[in-house]
Amino acid sequence: MIVKQDIEFYSPTNLKSYNLDQTMRYQLNMLENLDPFTRKHSENVANLTCRMCEYLHAKQMFTIHVTTCAYLHDIGKLFIPPEILHKPDRLTEEEFEIMKTHTTIGYKICMKDLKLRPYARWPSLSS
């Protein structure tokens, strides 16, 4: 028997329980300075990821790991030119190719930092 359960997936308080280390907070603050929309998007993805893990009763270490990955999934957008990142119109094919590089850039950012290295694979999967 399946019991339908209502769950509020949007809860900004639960993310506060998973403290990001100084390096990750620095990266996210840099992202917010460049693009507050992407920073908010990253927080929303992390929040939903965390809530889904809790809903599925995932182990705490897994929840922390994937929530951190969700925070960092768009970190490569730090190096996308603002005129492309903030373009209100449809991107050209060339601009879209540049935008797609944020995944590889995010991977490289994480690989260069020992604290971020465990999360390197996840930015390369976002798009």
N, C-alpha and C. Protein backbone atom coordinates (compact mmCIF):
# COMPACT_ATOMS: atom_id res chain seq x y z
N MET A 1 0.84 -1.17 0.00
CA MET A 1 0.00 0.00 0.00
C MET A 1 0.89 1.24 0.00
N ILE A 2 0.65 2.12 -0.93
CA ILE A 2 1.41 3.36 -1.01
C ILE A 2 0.62 4.45 -0.32
N VAL A 3 1.29 5.11 0.61
CA VAL A 3 0.66 6.20 1.34
C VAL A 3 1.23 7.50 0.81
N LYS A 4 0.33 8.35 0.32
CA LYS A 4 0.78 9.64 -0.18
C LYS A 4 1.12 10.51 1.02
N GLN A 5 2.29 11.12 0.95
CA GLN A 5 2.76 11.96 2.05
C GLN A 5 3.13 13.32 1.48
N ASP A 6 2.57 14.35 2.06
CA ASP A 6 2.94 15.70 1.65
C ASP A 6 4.24 16.07 2.34
N ILE A 7 5.15 16.61 1.56
CA ILE A 7 6.41 17.05 2.13
C ILE A 7 6.76 18.40 1.53
N GLU A 8 7.21 19.27 2.36
CA GLU A 8 7.64 20.60 1.92
C GLU A 8 9.10 20.49 1.53
N PHE A 9 9.38 20.53 0.22
CA PHE A 9 10.76 20.38 -0.23
C PHE A 9 11.56 21.66 -0.12
N TYR A 10 10.89 22.76 0.09
CA TYR A 10 11.62 24.03 0.19
C TYR A 10 11.71 24.45 1.64
N SER A 11 12.87 24.26 2.23
CA SER A 11 13.08 24.63 3.62
C SER A 11 14.49 25.19 3.77
N PRO A 12 14.64 26.51 3.77
CA PRO A 12 15.99 27.08 3.86
C PRO A 12 16.69 26.78 5.18
N THR A 13 15.97 26.36 6.20
CA THR A 13 16.60 26.11 7.49
C THR A 13 17.42 24.83 7.49
N ASN A 14 17.02 23.83 6.71
CA ASN A 14 17.75 22.57 6.79
C ASN A 14 19.15 22.67 6.19
N LEU A 15 19.39 23.58 5.27
CA LEU A 15 20.72 23.71 4.70
C LEU A 15 21.73 24.24 5.71
N LYS A 16 21.27 25.00 6.65
CA LYS A 16 22.18 25.56 7.64
C LYS A 16 22.82 24.46 8.50
N SER A 17 22.22 23.29 8.52
CA SER A 17 22.77 22.21 9.32
C SER A 17 24.00 21.57 8.67
N TYR A 18 24.22 21.84 7.38
CA TYR A 18 25.38 21.30 6.68
C TYR A 18 26.34 22.44 6.39
N ASN A 19 27.22 22.69 7.32
CA ASN A 19 28.13 23.83 7.19
C ASN A 19 29.13 23.59 6.08
N LEU A 20 29.23 24.56 5.19
CA LEU A 20 30.24 24.50 4.15
C LEU A 20 31.54 25.05 4.71
N ASP A 21 32.65 24.47 4.30
CA ASP A 21 33.91 24.98 4.82
C ASP A 21 34.24 26.33 4.17
N GLN A 22 35.28 26.95 4.64
CA GLN A 22 35.65 28.30 4.23
C GLN A 22 35.91 28.39 2.72
N THR A 23 36.55 27.39 2.15
CA THR A 23 36.84 27.40 0.71
C THR A 23 35.56 27.42 -0.10
N MET A 24 34.61 26.59 0.27
CA MET A 24 33.35 26.53 -0.47
C MET A 24 32.55 27.81 -0.32
N ARG A 25 32.52 28.34 0.89
CA ARG A 25 31.81 29.62 1.10
C ARG A 25 32.46 30.72 0.27
N TYR A 26 33.78 30.73 0.19
CA TYR A 26 34.50 31.71 -0.61
C TYR A 26 34.11 31.60 -2.09
N GLN A 27 34.09 30.37 -2.61
CA GLN A 27 33.72 30.15 -4.01
C GLN A 27 32.28 30.63 -4.26
N LEU A 28 31.37 30.30 -3.35
CA LEU A 28 29.98 30.71 -3.54
C LEU A 28 29.82 32.22 -3.42
N ASN A 29 30.58 32.84 -2.54
CA ASN A 29 30.52 34.31 -2.43
C ASN A 29 31.06 34.97 -3.69
N MET A 30 32.11 34.38 -4.28
CA MET A 30 32.61 34.91 -5.55
C MET A 30 31.54 34.79 -6.62
N LEU A 31 30.84 33.67 -6.63
CA LEU A 31 29.78 33.46 -7.60
C LEU A 31 28.66 34.47 -7.40
N GLU A 32 28.32 34.74 -6.15
CA GLU A 32 27.26 35.72 -5.89
C GLU A 32 27.67 37.11 -6.35
N ASN A 33 28.94 37.48 -6.15
CA ASN A 33 29.41 38.79 -6.60
C ASN A 33 29.31 38.92 -8.12
N LEU A 34 29.55 37.81 -8.81
CA LEU A 34 29.47 37.82 -10.26
C LEU A 34 28.02 37.71 -10.73
N ASP A 35 27.27 36.80 -10.12
CA ASP A 35 25.93 36.51 -10.60
C ASP A 35 25.03 36.02 -9.45
N PRO A 36 24.30 36.93 -8.80
CA PRO A 36 23.43 36.53 -7.69
C PRO A 36 22.37 35.49 -8.10
N PHE A 37 21.92 35.53 -9.35
CA PHE A 37 20.93 34.56 -9.81
C PHE A 37 21.49 33.14 -9.75
N THR A 38 22.72 32.95 -10.23
CA THR A 38 23.33 31.62 -10.22
C THR A 38 23.60 31.17 -8.79
N ARG A 39 23.99 32.09 -7.93
CA ARG A 39 24.21 31.74 -6.51
C ARG A 39 22.90 31.25 -5.90
N LYS A 40 21.81 31.97 -6.15
CA LYS A 40 20.51 31.58 -5.59
C LYS A 40 20.07 30.24 -6.19
N HIS A 41 20.32 30.06 -7.48
CA HIS A 41 19.99 28.79 -8.13
C HIS A 41 20.77 27.65 -7.46
N SER A 42 22.05 27.85 -7.20
CA SER A 42 22.87 26.81 -6.55
C SER A 42 22.34 26.49 -5.16
N GLU A 43 21.93 27.50 -4.42
CA GLU A 43 21.35 27.26 -3.09
C GLU A 43 20.03 26.50 -3.21
N ASN A 44 19.22 26.84 -4.20
CA ASN A 44 17.95 26.14 -4.38
C ASN A 44 18.17 24.68 -4.75
N VAL A 45 19.12 24.41 -5.64
CA VAL A 45 19.42 23.03 -6.02
C VAL A 45 19.93 22.26 -4.81
N ALA A 46 20.79 22.89 -4.01
CA ALA A 46 21.31 22.23 -2.81
C ALA A 46 20.18 21.96 -1.82
N ASN A 47 19.30 22.91 -1.66
CA ASN A 47 18.17 22.73 -0.74
C ASN A 47 17.29 21.56 -1.18
N LEU A 48 16.93 21.53 -2.45
CA LEU A 48 16.08 20.45 -2.94
C LEU A 48 16.80 19.10 -2.84
N THR A 49 18.08 19.09 -3.12
CA THR A 49 18.86 17.85 -3.01
C THR A 49 18.85 17.34 -1.57
N CYS A 50 19.10 18.24 -0.66
CA CYS A 50 19.12 17.88 0.77
C CYS A 50 17.76 17.36 1.22
N ARG A 51 16.72 18.05 0.83
CA ARG A 51 15.38 17.64 1.24
C ARG A 51 15.00 16.28 0.65
N MET A 52 15.40 16.03 -0.60
CA MET A 52 15.10 14.73 -1.20
C MET A 52 15.85 13.62 -0.47
N CYS A 53 17.10 13.89 -0.11
CA CYS A 53 17.87 12.89 0.65
C CYS A 53 17.20 12.60 1.98
N GLU A 54 16.74 13.63 2.65
CA GLU A 54 16.05 13.43 3.92
C GLU A 54 14.76 12.64 3.72
N TYR A 55 14.03 12.98 2.68
CA TYR A 55 12.78 12.29 2.37
C TYR A 55 13.03 10.81 2.10
N LEU A 56 14.14 10.51 1.44
CA LEU A 56 14.49 9.13 1.10
C LEU A 56 15.27 8.42 2.21
N HIS A 57 15.48 9.13 3.32
CA HIS A 57 16.21 8.59 4.47
C HIS A 57 17.63 8.15 4.10
N ALA A 58 18.28 8.96 3.28
CA ALA A 58 19.67 8.68 2.90
C ALA A 58 20.58 8.87 4.11
N LYS A 59 21.69 8.21 4.08
CA LYS A 59 22.65 8.36 5.18
C LYS A 59 23.16 9.81 5.22
N GLN A 60 23.47 10.25 6.42
CA GLN A 60 23.88 11.65 6.60
C GLN A 60 25.12 12.02 5.79
N MET A 61 26.12 11.14 5.75
CA MET A 61 27.34 11.46 5.00
C MET A 61 27.04 11.61 3.50
N PHE A 62 26.17 10.77 2.98
CA PHE A 62 25.76 10.88 1.58
C PHE A 62 25.02 12.20 1.36
N THR A 63 24.11 12.52 2.26
CA THR A 63 23.34 13.75 2.14
C THR A 63 24.25 14.97 2.14
N ILE A 64 25.21 14.99 3.03
CA ILE A 64 26.16 16.11 3.09
C ILE A 64 26.95 16.19 1.79
N HIS A 65 27.41 15.06 1.30
CA HIS A 65 28.22 15.05 0.08
C HIS A 65 27.42 15.58 -1.12
N VAL A 66 26.25 15.04 -1.35
CA VAL A 66 25.49 15.45 -2.54
C VAL A 66 24.94 16.87 -2.40
N THR A 67 24.67 17.30 -1.18
CA THR A 67 24.23 18.68 -0.97
C THR A 67 25.37 19.64 -1.30
N THR A 68 26.57 19.31 -0.89
CA THR A 68 27.73 20.13 -1.22
C THR A 68 27.96 20.14 -2.73
N CYS A 69 27.83 18.99 -3.36
CA CYS A 69 27.96 18.92 -4.82
C CYS A 69 26.94 19.83 -5.49
N ALA A 70 25.74 19.82 -4.97
CA ALA A 70 24.68 20.66 -5.55
C ALA A 70 25.03 22.15 -5.42
N TYR A 71 25.59 22.54 -4.28
CA TYR A 71 26.03 23.92 -4.12
C TYR A 71 27.05 24.30 -5.19
N LEU A 72 27.94 23.37 -5.50
CA LEU A 72 29.08 23.68 -6.37
C LEU A 72 28.84 23.37 -7.85
N HIS A 73 27.67 22.87 -8.20
CA HIS A 73 27.48 22.35 -9.55
C HIS A 73 27.66 23.40 -10.65
N ASP A 74 27.45 24.67 -10.38
CA ASP A 74 27.61 25.72 -11.40
C ASP A 74 28.80 26.64 -11.13
N ILE A 75 29.74 26.19 -10.32
CA ILE A 75 30.86 27.05 -9.92
C ILE A 75 31.70 27.48 -11.13
N GLY A 76 31.70 26.70 -12.18
CA GLY A 76 32.45 27.06 -13.39
C GLY A 76 31.92 28.30 -14.09
N LYS A 77 30.71 28.71 -13.75
CA LYS A 77 30.15 29.93 -14.37
C LYS A 77 30.89 31.18 -13.93
N LEU A 78 31.78 31.04 -12.92
CA LEU A 78 32.62 32.17 -12.52
C LEU A 78 33.45 32.68 -13.69
N PHE A 79 33.75 31.80 -14.64
CA PHE A 79 34.65 32.16 -15.73
C PHE A 79 33.95 32.26 -17.09
N ILE A 80 32.63 32.34 -17.05
CA ILE A 80 31.87 32.60 -18.28
C ILE A 80 31.75 34.11 -18.41
N PRO A 81 32.05 34.66 -19.57
CA PRO A 81 31.96 36.12 -19.73
C PRO A 81 30.56 36.64 -19.35
N PRO A 82 30.52 37.73 -18.58
CA PRO A 82 29.22 38.26 -18.12
C PRO A 82 28.24 38.56 -19.26
N GLU A 83 28.77 38.99 -20.41
CA GLU A 83 27.86 39.31 -21.52
C GLU A 83 27.15 38.06 -22.05
N ILE A 84 27.72 36.89 -21.80
CA ILE A 84 27.05 35.64 -22.17
C ILE A 84 26.20 35.16 -21.01
N LEU A 85 26.76 35.18 -19.82
CA LEU A 85 26.06 34.70 -18.63
C LEU A 85 24.77 35.47 -18.39
N HIS A 86 24.78 36.77 -18.64
CA HIS A 86 23.62 37.62 -18.35
C HIS A 86 22.82 38.00 -19.59
N LYS A 87 23.11 37.40 -20.70
CA LYS A 87 22.42 37.76 -21.94
C LYS A 87 20.92 37.45 -21.81
N PRO A 88 20.08 38.45 -22.02
CA PRO A 88 18.64 38.22 -21.85
C PRO A 88 18.01 37.47 -23.03
N ASP A 89 18.69 37.50 -24.18
CA ASP A 89 18.15 36.85 -25.37
C ASP A 89 18.73 35.45 -25.52
N ARG A 90 18.24 34.76 -26.52
CA ARG A 90 18.74 33.41 -26.83
C ARG A 90 20.23 33.50 -27.19
N LEU A 91 21.00 32.54 -26.69
CA LEU A 91 22.43 32.50 -27.00
C LEU A 91 22.64 32.03 -28.44
N THR A 92 23.66 32.58 -29.08
CA THR A 92 24.05 32.08 -30.39
C THR A 92 24.68 30.70 -30.19
N GLU A 93 24.91 29.99 -31.27
CA GLU A 93 25.56 28.68 -31.16
C GLU A 93 26.94 28.81 -30.54
N GLU A 94 27.67 29.84 -30.93
CA GLU A 94 29.02 30.07 -30.38
C GLU A 94 28.95 30.39 -28.88
N GLU A 95 28.01 31.24 -28.50
CA GLU A 95 27.84 31.58 -27.07
C GLU A 95 27.43 30.36 -26.27
N PHE A 96 26.57 29.54 -26.84
CA PHE A 96 26.13 28.33 -26.13
C PHE A 96 27.30 27.37 -25.93
N GLU A 97 28.17 27.26 -26.92
CA GLU A 97 29.36 26.43 -26.78
C GLU A 97 30.24 26.94 -25.64
N ILE A 98 30.36 28.26 -25.53
CA ILE A 98 31.12 28.85 -24.43
C ILE A 98 30.44 28.55 -23.10
N MET A 99 29.12 28.70 -23.04
CA MET A 99 28.37 28.45 -21.81
C MET A 99 28.55 27.00 -21.36
N LYS A 100 28.57 26.08 -22.29
CA LYS A 100 28.72 24.66 -21.94
C LYS A 100 30.07 24.36 -21.30
N THR A 101 31.06 25.23 -21.50
CA THR A 101 32.37 24.98 -20.91
C THR A 101 32.37 25.14 -19.39
N HIS A 102 31.31 25.70 -18.82
CA HIS A 102 31.30 25.90 -17.36
C HIS A 102 31.40 24.59 -16.60
N THR A 103 30.98 23.49 -17.22
CA THR A 103 31.07 22.20 -16.54
C THR A 103 32.52 21.73 -16.43
N THR A 104 33.27 21.88 -17.50
CA THR A 104 34.69 21.51 -17.49
C THR A 104 35.47 22.45 -16.59
N ILE A 105 35.14 23.72 -16.66
CA ILE A 105 35.81 24.71 -15.80
C ILE A 105 35.54 24.40 -14.33
N GLY A 106 34.30 24.06 -13.99
CA GLY A 106 33.96 23.71 -12.61
C GLY A 106 34.74 22.50 -12.13
N TYR A 107 34.89 21.52 -13.00
CA TYR A 107 35.68 20.33 -12.67
C TYR A 107 37.13 20.73 -12.37
N LYS A 108 37.70 21.57 -13.22
CA LYS A 108 39.09 21.99 -13.03
C LYS A 108 39.26 22.81 -11.75
N ILE A 109 38.30 23.68 -11.45
CA ILE A 109 38.36 24.46 -10.20
C ILE A 109 38.42 23.51 -9.01
N CYS A 110 37.54 22.53 -9.01
CA CYS A 110 37.50 21.59 -7.89
C CYS A 110 38.76 20.72 -7.81
N MET A 111 39.28 20.32 -8.94
CA MET A 111 40.47 19.47 -8.95
C MET A 111 41.71 20.22 -8.44
N LYS A 112 41.75 21.52 -8.62
CA LYS A 112 42.91 22.30 -8.18
C LYS A 112 42.93 22.52 -6.67
N ASP A 113 41.81 22.35 -6.01
CA ASP A 113 41.71 22.60 -4.58
C ASP A 113 41.47 21.28 -3.86
N LEU A 114 42.36 20.91 -2.95
CA LEU A 114 42.24 19.62 -2.27
C LEU A 114 40.91 19.47 -1.53
N LYS A 115 40.39 20.57 -0.98
CA LYS A 115 39.13 20.49 -0.25
C LYS A 115 37.93 20.31 -1.18
N LEU A 116 38.06 20.79 -2.40
CA LEU A 116 36.96 20.67 -3.35
C LEU A 116 37.07 19.43 -4.23
N ARG A 117 38.23 18.81 -4.26
CA ARG A 117 38.47 17.67 -5.15
C ARG A 117 37.44 16.54 -5.00
N PRO A 118 36.99 16.22 -3.79
CA PRO A 118 35.98 15.14 -3.69
C PRO A 118 34.68 15.45 -4.42
N TYR A 119 34.46 16.71 -4.75
CA TYR A 119 33.21 17.12 -5.40
C TYR A 119 33.40 17.42 -6.88
N ALA A 120 34.59 17.16 -7.42
CA ALA A 120 34.95 17.58 -8.78
C ALA A 120 34.07 16.97 -9.86
N ARG A 121 33.65 15.77 -9.69
CA ARG A 121 32.89 15.11 -10.75
C ARG A 121 31.53 15.77 -10.98
N TRP A 122 30.93 16.31 -9.94
CA TRP A 122 29.56 16.81 -10.06
C TRP A 122 29.43 18.06 -10.91
N PRO A 123 30.32 19.06 -10.81
CA PRO A 123 30.16 20.19 -11.73
C PRO A 123 30.29 19.77 -13.20
N SER A 124 31.06 18.72 -13.46
CA SER A 124 31.22 18.28 -14.85
C SER A 124 29.98 17.59 -15.38
N LEU A 125 29.05 17.21 -14.49
CA LEU A 125 27.82 16.54 -14.92
C LEU A 125 26.66 17.50 -15.12
N SER A 126 26.79 18.72 -14.63
CA SER A 126 25.67 19.66 -14.76
C SER A 126 25.68 20.28 -16.15
N SER A 127 24.53 20.61 -16.61
CA SER A 127 24.43 21.35 -17.87
C SER A 127 22.99 21.73 -18.12
